[in-house]
Amino acid sequence: MFDVYRNGKRDLLVLRTGSAIPGAYSANKWRKSRKRILKVSDEIRSSVQRQGYYVRCLQVGKKASI
């Protein structure tokens, strides 16, 4: 199982259940998702196995004007 955290910048942090937030990301204010995640994509699963965490930035880009 996995724990999913998000912050005010719409970034996602995925960790194994019970793992601590890595030091590089501990300065940000992360809020834990209320849903329990049982299944993730192969990309996220391999990253968590390799690094211990997975981070995705979900920043919204500006719309192009016509």
PDB file of N, CA and C in Angstrom:
ATOM      1  N   MET A   1       0.838  -1.180   0.000  1.00  0.00           N
ATOM      2  CA  MET A   1       0.000   0.000   0.000  1.00  0.00           C
ATOM      3  C   MET A   1       0.885   1.246   0.000  1.00  0.00           C
ATOM      4  N   PHE A   2       0.269   2.344  -0.368  1.00  0.00           N
ATOM      5  CA  PHE A   2       1.003   3.590  -0.524  1.00  0.00           C
ATOM      6  C   PHE A   2       0.279   4.724   0.167  1.00  0.00           C
ATOM      7  N   ASP A   3       1.049   5.691   0.662  1.00  0.00           N
ATOM      8  CA  ASP A   3       0.509   6.927   1.212  1.00  0.00           C
ATOM      9  C   ASP A   3       0.754   8.027   0.185  1.00  0.00           C
ATOM     10  N   VAL A   4      -0.263   8.842  -0.048  1.00  0.00           N
ATOM     11  CA  VAL A   4      -0.156   9.940  -1.006  1.00  0.00           C
ATOM     12  C   VAL A   4      -0.318  11.247  -0.249  1.00  0.00           C
ATOM     13  N   TYR A   5       0.625  12.168  -0.466  1.00  0.00           N
ATOM     14  CA  TYR A   5       0.605  13.486   0.162  1.00  0.00           C
ATOM     15  C   TYR A   5       0.514  14.529  -0.937  1.00  0.00           C
ATOM     16  N   ARG A   6      -0.058  15.691  -0.616  1.00  0.00           N
ATOM     17  CA  ARG A   6      -0.081  16.807  -1.556  1.00  0.00           C
ATOM     18  C   ARG A   6       0.209  18.084  -0.782  1.00  0.00           C
ATOM     19  N   ASN A   7       0.685  19.104  -1.520  1.00  0.00           N
ATOM     20  CA  ASN A   7       0.967  20.381  -0.881  1.00  0.00           C
ATOM     21  C   ASN A   7       0.206  21.481  -1.597  1.00  0.00           C
ATOM     22  N   GLY A   8       0.390  22.716  -1.177  1.00  0.00           N
ATOM     23  CA  GLY A   8      -0.339  23.846  -1.731  1.00  0.00           C
ATOM     24  C   GLY A   8      -0.012  24.143  -3.185  1.00  0.00           C
ATOM     25  N   LYS A   9       1.110  23.656  -3.682  1.00  0.00           N
ATOM     26  CA  LYS A   9       1.501  23.881  -5.072  1.00  0.00           C
ATOM     27  C   LYS A   9       0.960  22.791  -5.996  1.00  0.00           C
ATOM     28  N   ARG A  10       0.097  21.943  -5.498  1.00  0.00           N
ATOM     29  CA  ARG A  10      -0.495  20.831  -6.248  1.00  0.00           C
ATOM     30  C   ARG A  10       0.528  19.769  -6.619  1.00  0.00           C
ATOM     31  N   ASP A  11       1.570  19.601  -5.815  1.00  0.00           N
ATOM     32  CA  ASP A  11       2.551  18.547  -6.026  1.00  0.00           C
ATOM     33  C   ASP A  11       2.094  17.297  -5.283  1.00  0.00           C
ATOM     34  N   LEU A  12       2.446  16.137  -5.828  1.00  0.00           N
ATOM     35  CA  LEU A  12       2.119  14.871  -5.190  1.00  0.00           C
ATOM     36  C   LEU A  12       3.393  14.186  -4.726  1.00  0.00           C
ATOM     37  N   LEU A  13       3.320  13.539  -3.573  1.00  0.00           N
ATOM     38  CA  LEU A  13       4.414  12.755  -3.032  1.00  0.00           C
ATOM     39  C   LEU A  13       3.847  11.394  -2.657  1.00  0.00           C
ATOM     40  N   VAL A  14       4.406  10.331  -3.219  1.00  0.00           N
ATOM     41  CA  VAL A  14       3.930   8.971  -2.953  1.00  0.00           C
ATOM     42  C   VAL A  14       5.024   8.226  -2.209  1.00  0.00           C
ATOM     43  N   LEU A  15       4.648   7.609  -1.072  1.00  0.00           N
ATOM     44  CA  LEU A  15       5.582   6.843  -0.237  1.00  0.00           C
ATOM     45  C   LEU A  15       4.963   5.494   0.092  1.00  0.00           C
ATOM     46  N   ARG A  16       5.813   4.565   0.501  1.00  0.00           N
ATOM     47  CA  ARG A  16       5.278   3.322   1.051  1.00  0.00           C
ATOM     48  C   ARG A  16       4.563   3.633   2.354  1.00  0.00           C
ATOM     49  N   THR A  17       3.559   2.863   2.674  1.00  0.00           N
ATOM     50  CA  THR A  17       2.813   3.081   3.907  1.00  0.00           C
ATOM     51  C   THR A  17       3.752   3.001   5.104  1.00  0.00           C
ATOM     52  N   GLY A  18       3.701   4.026   5.940  1.00  0.00           N
ATOM     53  CA  GLY A  18       4.510   4.064   7.153  1.00  0.00           C
ATOM     54  C   GLY A  18       5.877   4.688   6.988  1.00  0.00           C
ATOM     55  N   SER A  19       6.269   5.050   5.764  1.00  0.00           N
ATOM     56  CA  SER A  19       7.581   5.666   5.538  1.00  0.00           C
ATOM     57  C   SER A  19       7.555   7.129   5.932  1.00  0.00           C
ATOM     58  N   ALA A  20       8.707   7.640   6.327  1.00  0.00           N
ATOM     59  CA  ALA A  20       8.832   9.057   6.674  1.00  0.00           C
ATOM     60  C   ALA A  20       9.055   9.875   5.402  1.00  0.00           C
ATOM     61  N   ILE A  21       8.660  11.142   5.444  1.00  0.00           N
ATOM     62  CA  ILE A  21       8.869  12.043   4.313  1.00  0.00           C
ATOM     63  C   ILE A  21      10.364  12.315   4.185  1.00  0.00           C
ATOM     64  N   PRO A  22      10.935  12.175   2.966  1.00  0.00           N
ATOM     65  CA  PRO A  22      12.372  12.397   2.780  1.00  0.00           C
ATOM     66  C   PRO A  22      12.795  13.805   3.196  1.00  0.00           C
ATOM     67  N   GLY A  23      14.025  13.947   3.640  1.00  0.00           N
ATOM     68  CA  GLY A  23      14.549  15.211   4.142  1.00  0.00           C
ATOM     69  C   GLY A  23      14.468  16.350   3.139  1.00  0.00           C
ATOM     70  N   ALA A  24      14.658  16.043   1.853  1.00  0.00           N
ATOM     71  CA  ALA A  24      14.620  17.092   0.830  1.00  0.00           C
ATOM     72  C   ALA A  24      13.234  17.707   0.701  1.00  0.00           C
ATOM     73  N   TYR A  25      12.199  16.982   1.083  1.00  0.00           N
ATOM     74  CA  TYR A  25      10.825  17.459   0.950  1.00  0.00           C
ATOM     75  C   TYR A  25      10.166  17.763   2.288  1.00  0.00           C
ATOM     76  N   SER A  26      10.878  17.608   3.383  1.00  0.00           N
ATOM     77  CA  SER A  26      10.271  17.797   4.704  1.00  0.00           C
ATOM     78  C   SER A  26       9.967  19.260   5.011  1.00  0.00           C
ATOM     79  N   ALA A  27      10.616  20.201   4.317  1.00  0.00           N
ATOM     80  CA  ALA A  27      10.370  21.626   4.568  1.00  0.00           C
ATOM     81  C   ALA A  27       8.993  22.058   4.054  1.00  0.00           C
ATOM     82  N   ASN A  28       8.490  21.380   3.033  1.00  0.00           N
ATOM     83  CA  ASN A  28       7.163  21.702   2.493  1.00  0.00           C
ATOM     84  C   ASN A  28       6.077  21.182   3.420  1.00  0.00           C
ATOM     85  N   LYS A  29       4.935  21.824   3.401  1.00  0.00           N
ATOM     86  CA  LYS A  29       3.807  21.373   4.217  1.00  0.00           C
ATOM     87  C   LYS A  29       2.976  20.398   3.396  1.00  0.00           C
ATOM     88  N   TRP A  30       3.117  19.137   3.701  1.00  0.00           N
ATOM     89  CA  TRP A  30       2.409  18.083   2.989  1.00  0.00           C
ATOM     90  C   TRP A  30       1.178  17.672   3.780  1.00  0.00           C
ATOM     91  N   ARG A  31       0.075  17.452   3.077  1.00  0.00           N
ATOM     92  CA  ARG A  31      -1.147  16.950   3.705  1.00  0.00           C
ATOM     93  C   ARG A  31      -1.435  15.562   3.157  1.00  0.00           C
ATOM     94  N   LYS A  32      -1.709  14.648   4.049  1.00  0.00           N
ATOM     95  CA  LYS A  32      -1.951  13.267   3.649  1.00  0.00           C
ATOM     96  C   LYS A  32      -3.348  13.128   3.061  1.00  0.00           C
ATOM     97  N   SER A  33      -3.431  12.384   1.967  1.00  0.00           N
ATOM     98  CA  SER A  33      -4.709  12.103   1.335  1.00  0.00           C
ATOM     99  C   SER A  33      -5.520  11.182   2.241  1.00  0.00           C
ATOM    100  N   ARG A  34      -6.795  11.382   2.284  1.00  0.00           N
ATOM    101  CA  ARG A  34      -7.642  10.567   3.164  1.00  0.00           C
ATOM    102  C   ARG A  34      -7.914   9.181   2.597  1.00  0.00           C
ATOM    103  N   LYS A  35      -7.797   9.057   1.280  1.00  0.00           N
ATOM    104  CA  LYS A  35      -8.041   7.760   0.656  1.00  0.00           C
ATOM    105  C   LYS A  35      -6.822   6.865   0.802  1.00  0.00           C
ATOM    106  N   ARG A  36      -7.060   5.583   0.984  1.00  0.00           N
ATOM    107  CA  ARG A  36      -5.980   4.608   1.060  1.00  0.00           C
ATOM    108  C   ARG A  36      -5.738   4.083  -0.358  1.00  0.00           C
ATOM    109  N   ILE A  37      -4.505   4.175  -0.827  1.00  0.00           N
ATOM    110  CA  ILE A  37      -4.157   3.794  -2.182  1.00  0.00           C
ATOM    111  C   ILE A  37      -3.623   2.367  -2.179  1.00  0.00           C
ATOM    112  N   LEU A  38      -4.257   1.516  -2.965  1.00  0.00           N
ATOM    113  CA  LEU A  38      -3.842   0.123  -3.036  1.00  0.00           C
ATOM    114  C   LEU A  38      -3.023  -0.163  -4.285  1.00  0.00           C
ATOM    115  N   LYS A  39      -3.306   0.538  -5.370  1.00  0.00           N
ATOM    116  CA  LYS A  39      -2.679   0.235  -6.643  1.00  0.00           C
ATOM    117  C   LYS A  39      -2.196   1.526  -7.297  1.00  0.00           C
ATOM    118  N   VAL A  40      -0.971   1.503  -7.821  1.00  0.00           N
ATOM    119  CA  VAL A  40      -0.409   2.651  -8.530  1.00  0.00           C
ATOM    120  C   VAL A  40       0.157   2.165  -9.866  1.00  0.00           C
ATOM    121  N   SER A  41       0.526   3.103 -10.727  1.00  0.00           N
ATOM    122  CA  SER A  41       1.074   2.740 -12.028  1.00  0.00           C
ATOM    123  C   SER A  41       2.445   2.087 -11.872  1.00  0.00           C
ATOM    124  N   ASP A  42       2.893   1.427 -12.939  1.00  0.00           N
ATOM    125  CA  ASP A  42       4.199   0.774 -12.918  1.00  0.00           C
ATOM    126  C   ASP A  42       5.329   1.778 -12.748  1.00  0.00           C
ATOM    127  N   GLU A  43       5.171   2.972 -13.336  1.00  0.00           N
ATOM    128  CA  GLU A  43       6.191   4.021 -13.214  1.00  0.00           C
ATOM    129  C   GLU A  43       6.362   4.441 -11.754  1.00  0.00           C
ATOM    130  N   ILE A  44       5.246   4.669 -11.069  1.00  0.00           N
ATOM    131  CA  ILE A  44       5.299   5.088  -9.665  1.00  0.00           C
ATOM    132  C   ILE A  44       5.832   3.961  -8.796  1.00  0.00           C
ATOM    133  N   ARG A  45       5.365   2.740  -9.038  1.00  0.00           N
ATOM    134  CA  ARG A  45       5.811   1.587  -8.241  1.00  0.00           C
ATOM    135  C   ARG A  45       7.323   1.390  -8.360  1.00  0.00           C
ATOM    136  N   SER A  46       7.875   1.474  -9.576  1.00  0.00           N
ATOM    137  CA  SER A  46       9.317   1.274  -9.750  1.00  0.00           C
ATOM    138  C   SER A  46      10.116   2.409  -9.114  1.00  0.00           C
ATOM    139  N   SER A  47       9.604   3.633  -9.188  1.00  0.00           N
ATOM    140  CA  SER A  47      10.295   4.765  -8.565  1.00  0.00           C
ATOM    141  C   SER A  47      10.310   4.634  -7.040  1.00  0.00           C
ATOM    142  N   VAL A  48       9.198   4.213  -6.456  1.00  0.00           N
ATOM    143  CA  VAL A  48       9.136   4.028  -4.999  1.00  0.00           C
ATOM    144  C   VAL A  48      10.075   2.905  -4.568  1.00  0.00           C
ATOM    145  N   GLN A  49      10.155   1.841  -5.361  1.00  0.00           N
ATOM    146  CA  GLN A  49      11.063   0.747  -5.022  1.00  0.00           C
ATOM    147  C   GLN A  49      12.521   1.188  -5.125  1.00  0.00           C
ATOM    148  N   ARG A  50      12.828   1.991  -6.135  1.00  0.00           N
ATOM    149  CA  ARG A  50      14.199   2.429  -6.390  1.00  0.00           C
ATOM    150  C   ARG A  50      14.636   3.524  -5.421  1.00  0.00           C
ATOM    151  N   GLN A  51      13.811   4.584  -5.275  1.00  0.00           N
ATOM    152  CA  GLN A  51      14.200   5.752  -4.488  1.00  0.00           C
ATOM    153  C   GLN A  51      13.577   5.796  -3.101  1.00  0.00           C
ATOM    154  N   GLY A  52      12.462   5.110  -2.918  1.00  0.00           N
ATOM    155  CA  GLY A  52      11.740   5.177  -1.658  1.00  0.00           C
ATOM    156  C   GLY A  52      10.593   6.176  -1.694  1.00  0.00           C
ATOM    157  N   TYR A  53      10.506   6.958  -2.786  1.00  0.00           N
ATOM    158  CA  TYR A  53       9.429   7.937  -2.932  1.00  0.00           C
ATOM    159  C   TYR A  53       9.238   8.281  -4.410  1.00  0.00           C
ATOM    160  N   TYR A  54       8.148   8.961  -4.720  1.00  0.00           N
ATOM    161  CA  TYR A  54       7.865   9.446  -6.068  1.00  0.00           C
ATOM    162  C   TYR A  54       7.243  10.827  -5.931  1.00  0.00           C
ATOM    163  N   VAL A  55       7.727  11.806  -6.694  1.00  0.00           N
ATOM    164  CA  VAL A  55       7.210  13.171  -6.645  1.00  0.00           C
ATOM    165  C   VAL A  55       6.758  13.568  -8.039  1.00  0.00           C
ATOM    166  N   ARG A  56       5.580  14.192  -8.114  1.00  0.00           N
ATOM    167  CA  ARG A  56       5.077  14.707  -9.384  1.00  0.00           C
ATOM    168  C   ARG A  56       4.578  16.120  -9.171  1.00  0.00           C
ATOM    169  N   CYS A  57       5.029  17.036 -10.023  1.00  0.00           N
ATOM    170  CA  CYS A  57       4.583  18.420  -9.970  1.00  0.00           C
ATOM    171  C   CYS A  57       3.382  18.586 -10.891  1.00  0.00           C
ATOM    172  N   LEU A  58       2.291  19.096 -10.358  1.00  0.00           N
ATOM    173  CA  LEU A  58       1.064  19.269 -11.124  1.00  0.00           C
ATOM    174  C   LEU A  58       0.766  20.737 -11.337  1.00  0.00           C
ATOM    175  N   GLN A  59       1.779  21.508 -11.679  1.00  0.00           N
ATOM    176  CA  GLN A  59       1.587  22.936 -11.873  1.00  0.00           C
ATOM    177  C   GLN A  59       0.739  23.183 -13.117  1.00  0.00           C
ATOM    178  N   VAL A  60      -0.178  24.095 -12.999  1.00  0.00           N
ATOM    179  CA  VAL A  60      -1.047  24.433 -14.111  1.00  0.00           C
ATOM    180  C   VAL A  60      -0.356  25.483 -14.975  1.00  0.00           C
ATOM    181  N   GLY A  61      -0.256  25.194 -16.268  1.00  0.00           N
ATOM    182  CA  GLY A  61       0.382  26.127 -17.185  1.00  0.00           C
ATOM    183  C   GLY A  61      -0.585  27.210 -17.618  1.00  0.00           C
ATOM    184  N   LYS A  62      -0.047  28.299 -18.142  1.00  0.00           N
ATOM    185  CA  LYS A  62      -0.891  29.389 -18.626  1.00  0.00           C
ATOM    186  C   LYS A  62      -1.484  29.019 -19.980  1.00  0.00           C
ATOM    187  N   LYS A  63      -2.702  29.445 -20.219  1.00  0.00           N
ATOM    188  CA  LYS A  63      -3.333  29.200 -21.510  1.00  0.00           C
ATOM    189  C   LYS A  63      -2.764  30.162 -22.542  1.00  0.00           C
ATOM    190  N   ALA A  64      -2.586  29.658 -23.750  1.00  0.00           N
ATOM    191  CA  ALA A  64      -2.104  30.520 -24.825  1.00  0.00           C
ATOM    192  C   ALA A  64      -3.232  31.411 -25.295  1.00  0.00           C
ATOM    193  N   SER A  65      -2.940  32.673 -25.491  1.00  0.00           N
ATOM    194  CA  SER A  65      -3.974  33.591 -25.968  1.00  0.00           C
ATOM    195  C   SER A  65      -4.030  33.547 -27.486  1.00  0.00           C
ATOM    196  N   ILE A  66      -5.209  33.760 -28.012  1.00  0.00           N
ATOM    197  CA  ILE A  66      -5.411  33.710 -29.465  1.00  0.00           C
ATOM    198  C   ILE A  66      -5.310  35.094 -30.056  1.00  0.00           C
TER     199      ILE A  66
END
